[in-house]
Amino acid sequence: MSGIVAHSRSAGSGTTTPAQPSRCRLPGSPGVSRPERRVAAIAVRLFDLLAPHHGLSEKYRKLLHLAALLHDAGRVYGAEGHEHSGAAMVLYHRRLPLSPRQRRAIAYLVRFHRGPVPSVISQQQILQRGDQHQKLRLLLGILRASDAVDSRRLRPPTIIIKRTARKLRITCLVHEELAEARRRLGGPGKFKLLETALGLVVRLRIKPAAP
């Protein structure tokens, strides 16, 4: 990608090497695409930047990264409804070396990375009781926000993220016409879950990149 620059008024958490994309290939899938890698890179950077707000451990960072690498896997069967087919691929193909709980968590994140998100665990059919639904909803908020600032139909923008105590400001520097970029980036409701889960206000600005 052209670049991701994350700024904060306080230092973020440390980083570790996340899952290797080569281990994330599912049967029937051509493998992890460049857009999926971009979203994964944004997601882990955002996770680290928001660490003072969410307090989640390293295992959740790894879950988020793997889910981001797989979130569009269902596109192999077509873009329409790919969140459903992708979640099914995660649940039923055993190539991924995951525990049952990890598998359900990633399938949940893939399934709801787009579209309406159930507010309570009883309204979905993937997670079970004891699967840390609220923590996974927070991860889902990060994944949806990361997916919102990347598009397969645009050249990868430079993304500048700044965090303050109550706001998350995201600036996308794009190469296309602003009207087209604004149509492709953001998306209705993509930041709402993150705002609700962390009590933050998310502001997205789309500006032209320097020539």
C-alpha atoms as a PDB file:
ATOM      1  CA  MET A   1       0.000   0.000   0.000  1.00  0.00           C
ATOM      2  CA  SER A   2       1.066   3.606  -0.372  1.00  0.00           C
ATOM      3  CA  GLY A   3       1.339   3.921   3.370  1.00  0.00           C
ATOM      4  CA  ILE A   4      -0.390   3.965   6.716  1.00  0.00           C
ATOM      5  CA  VAL A   5       0.666   6.630   9.178  1.00  0.00           C
ATOM      6  CA  ALA A   6      -0.821   6.362  12.665  1.00  0.00           C
ATOM      7  CA  HIS A   7      -0.441   9.244  15.104  1.00  0.00           C
ATOM      8  CA  SER A   8      -1.440   9.347  18.764  1.00  0.00           C
ATOM      9  CA  ARG A   9      -0.942  11.702  21.656  1.00  0.00           C
ATOM     10  CA  SER A  10       0.378   8.764  23.658  1.00  0.00           C
ATOM     11  CA  ALA A  11       2.526   5.820  22.662  1.00  0.00           C
ATOM     12  CA  GLY A  12       0.771   2.758  21.367  1.00  0.00           C
ATOM     13  CA  SER A  13       1.411  -0.832  22.356  1.00  0.00           C
ATOM     14  CA  GLY A  14       4.263  -2.904  20.998  1.00  0.00           C
ATOM     15  CA  THR A  15       3.921  -5.029  17.914  1.00  0.00           C
ATOM     16  CA  THR A  16       4.625  -8.662  17.164  1.00  0.00           C
ATOM     17  CA  THR A  17       4.726 -10.663  13.996  1.00  0.00           C
ATOM     18  CA  PRO A  18       1.136 -11.590  13.017  1.00  0.00           C
ATOM     19  CA  ALA A  19      -0.106 -14.648  11.181  1.00  0.00           C
ATOM     20  CA  GLN A  20       1.551 -15.418   7.862  1.00  0.00           C
ATOM     21  CA  PRO A  21      -0.806 -15.030   4.870  1.00  0.00           C
ATOM     22  CA  SER A  22       0.539 -18.275   3.388  1.00  0.00           C
ATOM     23  CA  ARG A  23      -1.157 -20.174   6.232  1.00  0.00           C
ATOM     24  CA  CYS A  24      -4.542 -18.584   5.529  1.00  0.00           C
ATOM     25  CA  ARG A  25      -5.469 -20.208   2.236  1.00  0.00           C
ATOM     26  CA  LEU A  26      -8.798 -22.014   2.246  1.00  0.00           C
ATOM     27  CA  PRO A  27      -9.860 -24.759  -0.201  1.00  0.00           C
ATOM     28  CA  GLY A  28     -11.345 -23.155  -3.310  1.00  0.00           C
ATOM     29  CA  SER A  29      -9.709 -19.809  -2.567  1.00  0.00           C
ATOM     30  CA  PRO A  30      -6.837 -18.383  -4.645  1.00  0.00           C
ATOM     31  CA  GLY A  31      -5.190 -17.188  -1.439  1.00  0.00           C
ATOM     32  CA  VAL A  32      -4.922 -13.877   0.350  1.00  0.00           C
ATOM     33  CA  SER A  33      -5.317 -10.920  -2.002  1.00  0.00           C
ATOM     34  CA  ARG A  34      -3.608  -7.549  -1.842  1.00  0.00           C
ATOM     35  CA  PRO A  35      -6.790  -5.789  -0.640  1.00  0.00           C
ATOM     36  CA  GLU A  36      -7.095  -8.305   2.199  1.00  0.00           C
ATOM     37  CA  ARG A  37      -3.478  -7.722   3.170  1.00  0.00           C
ATOM     38  CA  ARG A  38      -4.061  -3.981   3.160  1.00  0.00           C
ATOM     39  CA  VAL A  39      -7.111  -4.265   5.405  1.00  0.00           C
ATOM     40  CA  ALA A  40      -5.165  -6.564   7.744  1.00  0.00           C
ATOM     41  CA  ALA A  41      -2.319  -4.040   7.977  1.00  0.00           C
ATOM     42  CA  ILE A  42      -4.752  -1.232   8.771  1.00  0.00           C
ATOM     43  CA  ALA A  43      -6.581  -3.371  11.333  1.00  0.00           C
ATOM     44  CA  VAL A  44      -3.534  -4.328  13.399  1.00  0.00           C
ATOM     45  CA  ARG A  45      -2.252  -0.756  13.332  1.00  0.00           C
ATOM     46  CA  LEU A  46      -5.631   0.493  14.500  1.00  0.00           C
ATOM     47  CA  PHE A  47      -5.746  -2.200  17.208  1.00  0.00           C
ATOM     48  CA  ASP A  48      -2.383  -1.016  18.524  1.00  0.00           C
ATOM     49  CA  LEU A  49      -3.363   2.640  18.367  1.00  0.00           C
ATOM     50  CA  LEU A  50      -6.576   1.999  20.314  1.00  0.00           C
ATOM     51  CA  ALA A  51      -4.960  -0.244  22.934  1.00  0.00           C
ATOM     52  CA  PRO A  52      -5.434   2.298  25.767  1.00  0.00           C
ATOM     53  CA  HIS A  53      -9.168   2.235  25.041  1.00  0.00           C
ATOM     54  CA  HIS A  54      -9.826  -1.479  24.564  1.00  0.00           C
ATOM     55  CA  GLY A  55      -7.194  -3.173  26.767  1.00  0.00           C
ATOM     56  CA  LEU A  56      -7.352  -6.407  24.776  1.00  0.00           C
ATOM     57  CA  SER A  57      -4.523  -8.929  24.883  1.00  0.00           C
ATOM     58  CA  GLU A  58      -2.222 -10.126  22.113  1.00  0.00           C
ATOM     59  CA  LYS A  59      -4.415 -13.139  21.349  1.00  0.00           C
ATOM     60  CA  TYR A  60      -7.180 -10.792  20.186  1.00  0.00           C
ATOM     61  CA  ARG A  61      -4.727  -8.951  17.941  1.00  0.00           C
ATOM     62  CA  LYS A  62      -3.870 -12.266  16.287  1.00  0.00           C
ATOM     63  CA  LEU A  63      -7.550 -13.133  15.857  1.00  0.00           C
ATOM     64  CA  LEU A  64      -8.202  -9.751  14.276  1.00  0.00           C
ATOM     65  CA  HIS A  65      -5.286 -10.086  11.881  1.00  0.00           C
ATOM     66  CA  LEU A  66      -6.331 -13.545  10.721  1.00  0.00           C
ATOM     67  CA  ALA A  67      -9.959 -12.492  10.318  1.00  0.00           C
ATOM     68  CA  ALA A  68      -8.874  -9.485   8.258  1.00  0.00           C
ATOM     69  CA  LEU A  69      -6.812 -11.715   5.970  1.00  0.00           C
ATOM     70  CA  LEU A  70      -9.861 -13.949   5.466  1.00  0.00           C
ATOM     71  CA  HIS A  71     -12.699 -11.427   5.513  1.00  0.00           C
ATOM     72  CA  ASP A  72     -13.195 -11.466   1.733  1.00  0.00           C
ATOM     73  CA  ALA A  73     -12.395 -15.144   1.137  1.00  0.00           C
ATOM     74  CA  GLY A  74     -16.021 -15.779   0.165  1.00  0.00           C
ATOM     75  CA  ARG A  75     -15.601 -13.613  -2.935  1.00  0.00           C
ATOM     76  CA  VAL A  76     -14.361 -16.727  -4.697  1.00  0.00           C
ATOM     77  CA  TYR A  77     -18.096 -17.562  -4.950  1.00  0.00           C
ATOM     78  CA  GLY A  78     -19.072 -14.004  -5.945  1.00  0.00           C
ATOM     79  CA  ALA A  79     -19.209 -10.614  -4.269  1.00  0.00           C
ATOM     80  CA  GLU A  80     -22.902 -10.847  -3.387  1.00  0.00           C
ATOM     81  CA  GLY A  81     -23.270 -12.417   0.050  1.00  0.00           C
ATOM     82  CA  HIS A  82     -19.545 -13.136   0.337  1.00  0.00           C
ATOM     83  CA  GLU A  83     -19.711 -12.514   4.089  1.00  0.00           C
ATOM     84  CA  HIS A  84     -21.955 -15.580   4.415  1.00  0.00           C
ATOM     85  CA  SER A  85     -19.901 -17.851   2.173  1.00  0.00           C
ATOM     86  CA  GLY A  86     -16.655 -16.679   3.774  1.00  0.00           C
ATOM     87  CA  ALA A  87     -17.896 -17.483   7.278  1.00  0.00           C
ATOM     88  CA  ALA A  88     -19.024 -20.924   6.110  1.00  0.00           C
ATOM     89  CA  MET A  89     -15.576 -21.567   4.616  1.00  0.00           C
ATOM     90  CA  VAL A  90     -13.923 -20.742   7.930  1.00  0.00           C
ATOM     91  CA  LEU A  91     -16.328 -22.952   9.885  1.00  0.00           C
ATOM     92  CA  TYR A  92     -16.272 -26.043   7.717  1.00  0.00           C
ATOM     93  CA  HIS A  93     -12.802 -26.231   6.156  1.00  0.00           C
ATOM     94  CA  ARG A  94     -10.250 -27.662   8.569  1.00  0.00           C
ATOM     95  CA  ARG A  95      -7.067 -26.493   6.869  1.00  0.00           C
ATOM     96  CA  LEU A  96      -6.739 -23.581   9.279  1.00  0.00           C
ATOM     97  CA  PRO A  97      -5.018 -24.731  12.504  1.00  0.00           C
ATOM     98  CA  LEU A  98      -7.588 -23.284  14.894  1.00  0.00           C
ATOM     99  CA  SER A  99      -9.311 -24.353  18.073  1.00  0.00           C
ATOM    100  CA  PRO A 100     -13.119 -24.556  17.910  1.00  0.00           C
ATOM    101  CA  ARG A 101     -13.430 -21.276  19.815  1.00  0.00           C
ATOM    102  CA  GLN A 102     -10.937 -19.495  17.548  1.00  0.00           C
ATOM    103  CA  ARG A 103     -12.746 -20.838  14.487  1.00  0.00           C
ATOM    104  CA  ARG A 104     -16.084 -19.508  15.713  1.00  0.00           C
ATOM    105  CA  ALA A 105     -14.529 -16.135  16.537  1.00  0.00           C
ATOM    106  CA  ILE A 106     -13.007 -15.683  13.089  1.00  0.00           C
ATOM    107  CA  ALA A 107     -16.148 -16.927  11.352  1.00  0.00           C
ATOM    108  CA  TYR A 108     -18.155 -14.370  13.348  1.00  0.00           C
ATOM    109  CA  LEU A 109     -15.819 -11.544  12.317  1.00  0.00           C
ATOM    110  CA  VAL A 110     -15.929 -12.606   8.663  1.00  0.00           C
ATOM    111  CA  ARG A 111     -19.709 -12.991   8.696  1.00  0.00           C
ATOM    112  CA  PHE A 112     -20.431  -9.531  10.113  1.00  0.00           C
ATOM    113  CA  HIS A 113     -17.650  -7.456   8.559  1.00  0.00           C
ATOM    114  CA  ARG A 114     -20.437  -5.979   6.427  1.00  0.00           C
ATOM    115  CA  GLY A 115     -24.170  -5.619   6.866  1.00  0.00           C
ATOM    116  CA  PRO A 116     -26.203  -5.342  10.084  1.00  0.00           C
ATOM    117  CA  VAL A 117     -24.548  -6.558  13.306  1.00  0.00           C
ATOM    118  CA  PRO A 118     -26.661  -8.347  15.944  1.00  0.00           C
ATOM    119  CA  SER A 119     -26.510  -6.589  19.293  1.00  0.00           C
ATOM    120  CA  VAL A 120     -26.864  -9.703  21.452  1.00  0.00           C
ATOM    121  CA  ILE A 121     -25.348 -13.146  21.135  1.00  0.00           C
ATOM    122  CA  SER A 122     -28.724 -14.877  20.815  1.00  0.00           C
ATOM    123  CA  GLN A 123     -29.378 -13.046  17.538  1.00  0.00           C
ATOM    124  CA  GLN A 124     -26.571 -14.799  15.664  1.00  0.00           C
ATOM    125  CA  GLN A 125     -25.816 -18.470  15.021  1.00  0.00           C
ATOM    126  CA  ILE A 126     -22.013 -18.699  15.179  1.00  0.00           C
ATOM    127  CA  LEU A 127     -20.807 -17.799  18.653  1.00  0.00           C
ATOM    128  CA  GLN A 128     -21.671 -19.805  21.726  1.00  0.00           C
ATOM    129  CA  ARG A 129     -21.991 -18.709  25.321  1.00  0.00           C
ATOM    130  CA  GLY A 130     -18.557 -18.134  26.782  1.00  0.00           C
ATOM    131  CA  ASP A 131     -17.090 -16.946  23.455  1.00  0.00           C
ATOM    132  CA  GLN A 132     -16.403 -13.396  24.694  1.00  0.00           C
ATOM    133  CA  HIS A 133     -19.072 -11.812  22.504  1.00  0.00           C
ATOM    134  CA  GLN A 134     -18.475  -8.244  23.685  1.00  0.00           C
ATOM    135  CA  LYS A 135     -14.709  -8.397  23.069  1.00  0.00           C
ATOM    136  CA  LEU A 136     -15.314  -9.848  19.620  1.00  0.00           C
ATOM    137  CA  ARG A 137     -17.790  -7.063  18.856  1.00  0.00           C
ATOM    138  CA  LEU A 138     -14.996  -4.629  19.624  1.00  0.00           C
ATOM    139  CA  LEU A 139     -12.682  -6.464  17.217  1.00  0.00           C
ATOM    140  CA  LEU A 140     -15.481  -6.392  14.681  1.00  0.00           C
ATOM    141  CA  GLY A 141     -15.711  -2.628  15.061  1.00  0.00           C
ATOM    142  CA  ILE A 142     -12.003  -2.335  14.244  1.00  0.00           C
ATOM    143  CA  LEU A 143     -12.318  -4.686  11.264  1.00  0.00           C
ATOM    144  CA  ARG A 144     -15.311  -2.842   9.817  1.00  0.00           C
ATOM    145  CA  ALA A 145     -13.559   0.512  10.204  1.00  0.00           C
ATOM    146  CA  SER A 146     -10.418  -0.846   8.527  1.00  0.00           C
ATOM    147  CA  ASP A 147     -12.430  -2.278   5.653  1.00  0.00           C
ATOM    148  CA  ALA A 148     -14.198   1.064   5.234  1.00  0.00           C
ATOM    149  CA  VAL A 149     -11.025   2.956   4.344  1.00  0.00           C
ATOM    150  CA  ASP A 150      -9.873   0.615   1.577  1.00  0.00           C
ATOM    151  CA  SER A 151     -11.533  -0.209  -1.739  1.00  0.00           C
ATOM    152  CA  ARG A 152     -10.744  -2.686  -4.481  1.00  0.00           C
ATOM    153  CA  ARG A 153     -11.846  -0.065  -7.007  1.00  0.00           C
ATOM    154  CA  LEU A 154      -9.388   2.635  -5.924  1.00  0.00           C
ATOM    155  CA  ARG A 155      -5.649   2.941  -5.804  1.00  0.00           C
ATOM    156  CA  PRO A 156      -4.567   2.319  -2.196  1.00  0.00           C
ATOM    157  CA  PRO A 157      -4.797   5.618  -0.324  1.00  0.00           C
ATOM    158  CA  THR A 158      -2.335   6.874   2.238  1.00  0.00           C
ATOM    159  CA  ILE A 159      -4.137   6.691   5.565  1.00  0.00           C
ATOM    160  CA  ILE A 160      -3.337   8.994   8.466  1.00  0.00           C
ATOM    161  CA  ILE A 161      -4.911   8.048  11.781  1.00  0.00           C
ATOM    162  CA  LYS A 162      -4.836  10.305  14.831  1.00  0.00           C
ATOM    163  CA  ARG A 163      -6.231   9.375  18.210  1.00  0.00           C
ATOM    164  CA  THR A 164      -7.153  11.713  21.020  1.00  0.00           C
ATOM    165  CA  ALA A 165      -8.962  10.930  24.243  1.00  0.00           C
ATOM    166  CA  ARG A 166     -12.401  11.029  22.631  1.00  0.00           C
ATOM    167  CA  LYS A 167     -11.901  11.105  18.877  1.00  0.00           C
ATOM    168  CA  LEU A 168     -10.389   9.046  16.112  1.00  0.00           C
ATOM    169  CA  ARG A 169      -9.573  11.120  13.054  1.00  0.00           C
ATOM    170  CA  ILE A 170      -8.913   9.212   9.838  1.00  0.00           C
ATOM    171  CA  THR A 171      -7.658  11.004   6.759  1.00  0.00           C
ATOM    172  CA  CYS A 172      -7.448   9.212   3.406  1.00  0.00           C
ATOM    173  CA  LEU A 173      -5.227  10.819   0.782  1.00  0.00           C
ATOM    174  CA  VAL A 174      -6.539   9.567  -2.542  1.00  0.00           C
ATOM    175  CA  HIS A 175      -5.425   9.680  -6.158  1.00  0.00           C
ATOM    176  CA  GLU A 176      -8.880   9.519  -7.774  1.00  0.00           C
ATOM    177  CA  GLU A 177     -11.540  12.177  -8.118  1.00  0.00           C
ATOM    178  CA  LEU A 178     -12.842  13.104  -4.673  1.00  0.00           C
ATOM    179  CA  ALA A 179     -16.459  12.330  -5.594  1.00  0.00           C
ATOM    180  CA  GLU A 180     -15.536   8.779  -6.606  1.00  0.00           C
ATOM    181  CA  ALA A 181     -13.373   8.243  -3.531  1.00  0.00           C
ATOM    182  CA  ARG A 182     -16.100   9.515  -1.228  1.00  0.00           C
ATOM    183  CA  ARG A 183     -18.533   7.127  -2.841  1.00  0.00           C
ATOM    184  CA  ARG A 184     -16.211   4.170  -2.312  1.00  0.00           C
ATOM    185  CA  LEU A 185     -14.736   4.875   1.115  1.00  0.00           C
ATOM    186  CA  GLY A 186     -16.501   5.074   4.446  1.00  0.00           C
ATOM    187  CA  GLY A 187     -19.853   3.447   3.875  1.00  0.00           C
ATOM    188  CA  PRO A 188     -23.037   3.682   5.935  1.00  0.00           C
ATOM    189  CA  GLY A 189     -22.635   2.377   9.458  1.00  0.00           C
ATOM    190  CA  LYS A 190     -19.052   1.161   9.050  1.00  0.00           C
ATOM    191  CA  PHE A 191     -17.775   3.194  12.026  1.00  0.00           C
ATOM    192  CA  LYS A 192     -20.848   3.011  14.241  1.00  0.00           C
ATOM    193  CA  LEU A 193     -19.885  -0.207  16.027  1.00  0.00           C
ATOM    194  CA  LEU A 194     -16.408   1.091  16.863  1.00  0.00           C
ATOM    195  CA  GLU A 195     -17.862   4.352  18.153  1.00  0.00           C
ATOM    196  CA  THR A 196     -20.370   2.517  20.327  1.00  0.00           C
ATOM    197  CA  ALA A 197     -17.922  -0.057  21.676  1.00  0.00           C
ATOM    198  CA  LEU A 198     -15.216   2.435  22.652  1.00  0.00           C
ATOM    199  CA  GLY A 199     -17.192   5.614  23.220  1.00  0.00           C
ATOM    200  CA  LEU A 200     -15.213   7.415  20.533  1.00  0.00           C
ATOM    201  CA  VAL A 201     -16.258   9.755  17.778  1.00  0.00           C
ATOM    202  CA  VAL A 202     -14.804   8.705  14.408  1.00  0.00           C
ATOM    203  CA  ARG A 203     -14.268  11.364  11.781  1.00  0.00           C
ATOM    204  CA  LEU A 204     -13.292  10.452   8.227  1.00  0.00           C
ATOM    205  CA  ARG A 205     -11.801  12.998   5.835  1.00  0.00           C
ATOM    206  CA  ILE A 206     -10.997  12.252   2.216  1.00  0.00           C
ATOM    207  CA  LYS A 207      -8.505  14.585   0.587  1.00  0.00           C
ATOM    208  CA  PRO A 208      -6.488  14.605  -2.617  1.00  0.00           C
ATOM    209  CA  ALA A 209      -2.996  13.157  -2.409  1.00  0.00           C
ATOM    210  CA  ALA A 210      -0.088  15.387  -3.347  1.00  0.00           C
ATOM    211  CA  PRO A 211       0.756  15.159  -7.072  1.00  0.00           C
END
